[in-house]
Amino acid sequence: MKITLQNHLISATIQSKGAELCSLQTLANSREFLWQADPAHWAKHAPVLFPIVGKLKQNTYHHEGKSYILPRHGFAREMDFLLLEHTKSKAVFQLCSSSKTKGLYPFDFDFQICYQVHENQLQTIYSLINLGKEKMYFNVGAHPAFALPLDFSAYSIVFPMDSKLITHELAEELISKTTHEIHLENHTLPLAYSLFEKDALIFKQLESNLVTICENKRPFLQVSFADFPNLGIWTKPQAPFICIEPWLGYADTTDASGVLEEKEGIQSLEAGSSKTVEFTTTLFA
């Protein structure tokens, strides 16, 4: 099932599988901002990452003496969400714990995703409720891919509060101790496929809480993510898209113990408590 939200400026389409955004357009010129999941490069649009972000060491974690296998980025992106609410400009999707999720993740949860269009912006809100009687551990994040129809070198990313970036190198999809410093000119990172030769750029910490993608030096899309302390940026070789990924948490480190509550960047919720985070995508073109 797919549903579309629309106002006088933009439209957004979301599919129930994974509550995944699959189209984001400006109505005046019908420009499609979201990558259209061409399997020749990457067969996803904007998967939701829960209850982990990235990969676990040996795809395994331990909690209260038991071991669990969990695939990279968790299971939410492959599960059907329930549509709780749908108006012309707003939709709310829900995924709750079940016997299927309990075999992978032993916590009782209610995970809701709200999409709402307002003027030239799409607001995405993640709400998590711990329905269980024990502390719940989790990560959550977004993985939207934005289409880049021109040559990759025509694009750049502006980090308005940063003059340099510290990225953490991945080793077999785990975060290593190796870091690299990227100096920015006028807060700007020109895009080049060579940046991604060793997979994603992983930022554990940034001064900026928003980034702007520019096309031939003109802003065309902005992602603001004040509630998310971590950010990933990724593409594939010669692929005409760039992913801007706000995260609460990230992949296991190469020296991770495997114990869930010891995982670097892990989040927690006390029994009966909730957490809400949001990010906003602004379209300029």
Protein backbone atom coordinates (compact mmCIF):
# COMPACT_ATOMS: atom_id res chain seq x y z
CA MET A 1 0.00 0.00 0.00
CA LYS A 2 1.15 3.52 -0.84
CA ILE A 3 -0.32 6.81 0.33
CA THR A 4 0.45 10.33 -0.86
CA LEU A 5 0.58 13.57 1.11
CA GLN A 6 0.29 16.87 -0.69
CA ASN A 7 -0.05 20.61 -0.26
CA HIS A 8 0.19 23.44 -2.79
CA LEU A 9 3.98 23.08 -3.11
CA ILE A 10 5.15 19.50 -2.59
CA SER A 11 4.02 15.90 -2.44
CA ALA A 12 5.38 12.89 -0.54
CA THR A 13 4.52 9.23 -1.07
CA ILE A 14 5.08 6.57 1.59
CA GLN A 15 4.72 2.81 1.30
CA SER A 16 3.48 0.67 4.19
CA LYS A 17 6.42 -1.76 3.92
CA GLY A 18 8.98 -0.24 6.22
CA ALA A 19 6.92 2.98 6.35
CA GLU A 20 9.43 4.01 3.70
CA LEU A 21 9.30 7.32 1.88
CA CYS A 22 9.38 6.50 -1.83
CA SER A 23 8.74 9.83 -3.56
CA LEU A 24 9.30 13.49 -2.73
CA GLN A 25 8.43 16.04 -5.40
CA THR A 26 7.92 19.73 -5.99
CA LEU A 27 4.63 20.25 -7.80
CA ALA A 28 5.59 23.34 -9.82
CA ASN A 29 8.16 21.46 -11.90
CA SER A 30 7.47 17.79 -10.97
CA ARG A 31 11.07 17.36 -9.87
CA GLU A 32 11.66 14.06 -8.06
CA PHE A 33 14.09 14.56 -5.18
CA LEU A 34 14.16 10.98 -3.91
CA TRP A 35 16.20 8.18 -5.46
CA GLN A 36 13.84 5.82 -7.29
CA ALA A 37 15.39 2.54 -6.13
CA ASP A 38 16.97 1.47 -9.41
CA PRO A 39 18.40 -1.97 -8.53
CA ALA A 40 21.31 -1.35 -10.89
CA HIS A 41 22.71 0.78 -8.06
CA TRP A 42 20.57 0.39 -4.91
CA ALA A 43 17.04 -0.97 -4.63
CA LYS A 44 15.93 1.23 -1.73
CA HIS A 45 14.52 4.75 -1.38
CA ALA A 46 14.74 5.80 2.27
CA PRO A 47 14.71 2.85 4.68
CA VAL A 48 14.00 3.36 8.38
CA LEU A 49 16.69 1.89 10.63
CA PHE A 50 15.46 0.22 13.83
CA PRO A 51 16.23 -1.23 16.38
CA ILE A 52 19.87 -0.84 15.33
CA VAL A 53 21.77 1.39 12.93
CA GLY A 54 24.52 -0.22 10.88
CA LYS A 55 26.00 -3.63 11.48
CA LEU A 56 26.55 -5.63 14.65
CA LYS A 57 29.79 -7.51 15.14
CA GLN A 58 29.10 -10.98 13.71
CA ASN A 59 25.48 -9.77 13.34
CA THR A 60 25.00 -10.78 16.98
CA TYR A 61 24.34 -9.13 20.33
CA HIS A 62 23.90 -10.45 23.87
CA HIS A 63 21.31 -9.38 26.43
CA GLU A 64 20.65 -10.92 29.83
CA GLY A 65 22.59 -14.06 29.02
CA LYS A 66 20.94 -14.70 25.66
CA SER A 67 22.32 -14.17 22.16
CA TYR A 68 20.31 -12.70 19.29
CA ILE A 69 21.03 -12.39 15.59
CA LEU A 70 19.98 -9.12 14.02
CA PRO A 71 20.67 -8.09 10.41
CA ARG A 72 22.34 -4.83 9.46
CA HIS A 73 20.08 -1.83 10.13
CA GLY A 74 17.55 -3.99 12.00
CA PHE A 75 14.19 -5.34 10.88
CA ALA A 76 11.81 -2.37 10.64
CA ARG A 77 12.65 -1.63 7.00
CA GLU A 78 11.37 -5.08 5.96
CA MET A 79 8.16 -5.13 8.01
CA ASP A 80 4.66 -3.91 7.20
CA PHE A 81 3.54 -0.92 9.27
CA LEU A 82 -0.06 -0.21 10.18
CA LEU A 83 -1.49 3.08 8.90
CA LEU A 84 -2.94 4.77 12.00
CA GLU A 85 -3.86 8.16 10.56
CA HIS A 86 -4.06 9.69 7.11
CA THR A 87 -5.09 13.20 6.13
CA LYS A 88 -4.20 15.20 3.04
CA SER A 89 -0.98 16.46 4.62
CA LYS A 90 -0.18 13.95 7.39
CA ALA A 91 0.24 10.20 7.87
CA VAL A 92 1.13 8.15 10.95
CA PHE A 93 2.43 4.57 10.69
CA GLN A 94 2.89 2.09 13.53
CA LEU A 95 5.00 -1.00 14.16
CA CYS A 96 4.55 -2.86 17.45
CA SER A 97 6.49 -5.74 18.97
CA SER A 98 5.19 -9.19 18.09
CA SER A 99 6.17 -12.82 18.29
CA LYS A 100 8.13 -12.24 15.08
CA THR A 101 10.15 -9.33 16.47
CA LYS A 102 10.68 -10.98 19.87
CA GLY A 103 12.89 -13.65 18.29
CA LEU A 104 15.23 -10.90 17.11
CA TYR A 105 14.73 -8.24 19.76
CA PRO A 106 13.27 -9.14 23.18
CA PHE A 107 11.63 -5.81 24.02
CA ASP A 108 7.99 -4.68 23.93
CA PHE A 109 7.71 -1.48 21.92
CA ASP A 110 5.40 0.81 19.99
CA PHE A 111 7.25 2.56 17.14
CA GLN A 112 5.33 5.28 15.30
CA ILE A 113 6.48 7.32 12.31
CA CYS A 114 4.70 10.53 11.40
CA TYR A 115 5.19 12.20 8.01
CA GLN A 116 3.78 15.69 7.52
CA VAL A 117 4.11 18.20 4.66
CA HIS A 118 4.12 21.91 5.44
CA GLU A 119 4.93 24.50 2.78
CA ASN A 120 8.16 23.25 1.10
CA GLN A 121 9.11 20.90 3.96
CA LEU A 122 8.60 17.28 4.89
CA GLN A 123 8.74 16.67 8.63
CA THR A 124 9.56 13.13 9.78
CA ILE A 125 8.91 12.25 13.43
CA TYR A 126 9.96 9.01 15.14
CA SER A 127 8.16 8.16 18.40
CA LEU A 128 9.19 5.17 20.51
CA ILE A 129 7.35 3.86 23.55
CA ASN A 130 8.77 1.19 25.85
CA LEU A 131 5.75 -1.02 26.59
CA GLY A 132 7.75 -3.47 28.65
CA LYS A 133 8.71 -3.76 32.30
CA GLU A 134 12.48 -3.42 31.79
CA LYS A 135 14.81 -0.84 30.28
CA MET A 136 14.79 -1.00 26.48
CA TYR A 137 17.95 -0.50 24.42
CA PHE A 138 17.81 0.68 20.82
CA ASN A 139 19.17 2.76 17.97
CA VAL A 140 17.06 4.48 15.34
CA GLY A 141 17.89 6.36 12.19
CA ALA A 142 16.97 7.44 8.68
CA HIS A 143 18.59 6.48 5.37
CA PRO A 144 17.05 8.71 2.65
CA ALA A 145 18.74 8.73 -0.75
CA PHE A 146 18.41 11.93 -2.77
CA ALA A 147 18.59 11.83 -6.55
CA LEU A 148 21.44 13.72 -8.23
CA PRO A 149 20.56 13.96 -11.95
CA LEU A 150 23.63 15.95 -13.01
CA ASP A 151 27.24 14.85 -12.90
CA PHE A 152 28.27 13.97 -9.34
CA SER A 153 30.90 16.72 -9.35
CA ALA A 154 28.15 19.33 -9.77
CA TYR A 155 27.11 18.77 -6.16
CA SER A 156 28.42 19.82 -2.78
CA ILE A 157 27.26 19.68 0.83
CA VAL A 158 27.39 22.70 3.12
CA PHE A 159 27.96 22.22 6.87
CA PRO A 160 27.20 25.76 8.13
CA MET A 161 28.88 25.44 11.55
CA ASP A 162 31.87 23.24 10.64
CA SER A 163 35.23 24.18 9.18
CA LYS A 164 36.50 20.60 9.30
CA LEU A 165 34.96 17.14 9.61
CA ILE A 166 36.20 14.07 11.49
CA THR A 167 35.05 10.86 9.84
CA HIS A 168 35.41 7.36 11.30
CA GLU A 169 36.61 4.72 8.87
CA LEU A 170 34.70 1.47 8.50
CA ALA A 171 36.41 -1.92 8.58
CA GLU A 172 34.15 -4.73 7.33
CA GLU A 173 31.19 -2.42 8.05
CA LEU A 174 32.28 -1.88 11.67
CA ILE A 175 33.62 1.41 13.02
CA SER A 176 37.39 1.26 13.40
CA LYS A 177 39.70 3.43 15.46
CA THR A 178 41.00 5.08 12.27
CA THR A 179 39.76 8.62 11.71
CA HIS A 180 40.29 11.10 8.91
CA GLU A 181 40.10 14.88 8.99
CA ILE A 182 38.43 16.64 6.08
CA HIS A 183 39.06 20.36 5.82
CA LEU A 184 36.21 22.40 4.37
CA GLU A 185 36.49 25.54 2.31
CA ASN A 186 33.69 27.94 3.21
CA HIS A 187 32.04 25.11 5.17
CA THR A 188 31.59 23.18 1.91
CA LEU A 189 32.36 19.56 0.97
CA PRO A 190 32.56 19.07 -2.83
CA LEU A 191 31.20 15.64 -3.70
CA ALA A 192 33.49 13.08 -5.33
CA TYR A 193 33.13 9.31 -5.50
CA SER A 194 36.64 9.00 -4.06
CA LEU A 195 35.25 10.15 -0.68
CA PHE A 196 33.32 6.87 -0.46
CA GLU A 197 35.99 4.39 -1.55
CA LYS A 198 35.92 2.90 1.96
CA ASP A 199 32.12 3.04 2.34
CA ALA A 200 30.14 5.72 4.20
CA LEU A 201 31.38 8.86 5.88
CA ILE A 202 30.53 8.41 9.57
CA PHE A 203 30.33 11.46 11.81
CA LYS A 204 29.95 10.79 15.52
CA GLN A 205 29.83 14.50 16.22
CA LEU A 206 29.21 17.67 14.23
CA GLU A 207 28.84 21.33 15.09
CA SER A 208 26.17 21.68 12.39
CA ASN A 209 22.66 20.39 12.98
CA LEU A 210 21.68 20.77 9.35
CA VAL A 211 23.29 20.26 5.96
CA THR A 212 22.43 21.70 2.56
CA ILE A 213 22.99 19.92 -0.74
CA CYS A 214 23.92 22.35 -3.50
CA GLU A 215 23.60 21.79 -7.24
CA ASN A 216 26.08 23.95 -9.19
CA LYS A 217 26.54 25.92 -5.95
CA ARG A 218 22.82 26.63 -5.60
CA PRO A 219 20.95 25.08 -2.64
CA PHE A 220 18.31 22.60 -3.70
CA LEU A 221 17.71 20.47 -0.60
CA GLN A 222 18.36 20.77 3.13
CA VAL A 223 18.13 18.23 5.95
CA SER A 224 17.91 19.56 9.53
CA PHE A 225 18.45 17.02 12.32
CA ALA A 226 18.92 18.76 15.68
CA ASP A 227 17.58 15.71 17.58
CA PHE A 228 20.15 13.36 16.02
CA PRO A 229 23.76 13.52 17.30
CA ASN A 230 25.23 11.27 14.57
CA LEU A 231 25.23 11.48 10.79
CA GLY A 232 26.12 9.19 7.92
CA ILE A 233 26.67 10.23 4.30
CA TRP A 234 26.85 7.50 1.67
CA THR A 235 26.62 6.57 -1.97
CA LYS A 236 27.71 3.69 -4.17
CA PRO A 237 30.34 3.79 -6.96
CA GLN A 238 29.04 5.88 -9.87
CA ALA A 239 25.53 5.98 -8.39
CA PRO A 240 23.52 9.20 -9.04
CA PHE A 241 22.35 9.71 -5.47
CA ILE A 242 23.59 10.78 -2.05
CA CYS A 243 22.25 9.57 1.29
CA ILE A 244 22.00 12.00 4.20
CA GLU A 245 21.37 9.84 7.27
CA PRO A 246 20.47 11.28 10.70
CA TRP A 247 21.16 8.66 13.36
CA LEU A 248 20.73 7.96 17.06
CA GLY A 249 23.63 5.53 17.28
CA TYR A 250 25.77 3.76 14.71
CA ALA A 251 27.38 0.44 13.81
CA ASP A 252 29.35 -1.63 16.30
CA THR A 253 32.97 -0.69 16.81
CA THR A 254 35.60 -3.25 15.86
CA ASP A 255 36.33 -3.89 19.56
CA ALA A 256 32.65 -4.10 20.65
CA SER A 257 31.91 -6.57 23.46
CA GLY A 258 28.62 -7.62 21.87
CA VAL A 259 26.70 -6.86 25.08
CA LEU A 260 23.78 -4.66 24.01
CA GLU A 261 23.83 -2.25 26.94
CA GLU A 262 27.60 -1.75 26.43
CA LYS A 263 27.24 -0.89 22.75
CA GLU A 264 28.77 2.49 21.89
CA GLY A 265 26.03 4.98 21.03
CA ILE A 266 23.20 2.80 22.35
CA GLN A 267 20.03 4.60 23.52
CA SER A 268 17.77 3.48 26.35
CA LEU A 269 14.21 3.99 27.54
CA GLU A 270 12.93 3.17 31.01
CA ALA A 271 9.81 1.02 31.32
CA GLY A 272 6.73 2.97 30.28
CA SER A 273 8.68 5.94 28.96
CA SER A 274 8.87 7.36 25.44
CA LYS A 275 11.19 9.30 23.17
CA THR A 276 10.39 11.46 20.15
CA VAL A 277 12.89 12.77 17.61
CA GLU A 278 12.38 14.49 14.28
CA PHE A 279 14.18 15.74 11.21
CA THR A 280 13.01 18.00 8.40
CA THR A 281 13.71 17.91 4.66
CA THR A 282 13.35 21.24 2.86
CA LEU A 283 13.06 21.45 -0.93
CA PHE A 284 14.30 24.59 -2.68
CA ALA A 285 14.20 23.73 -6.40
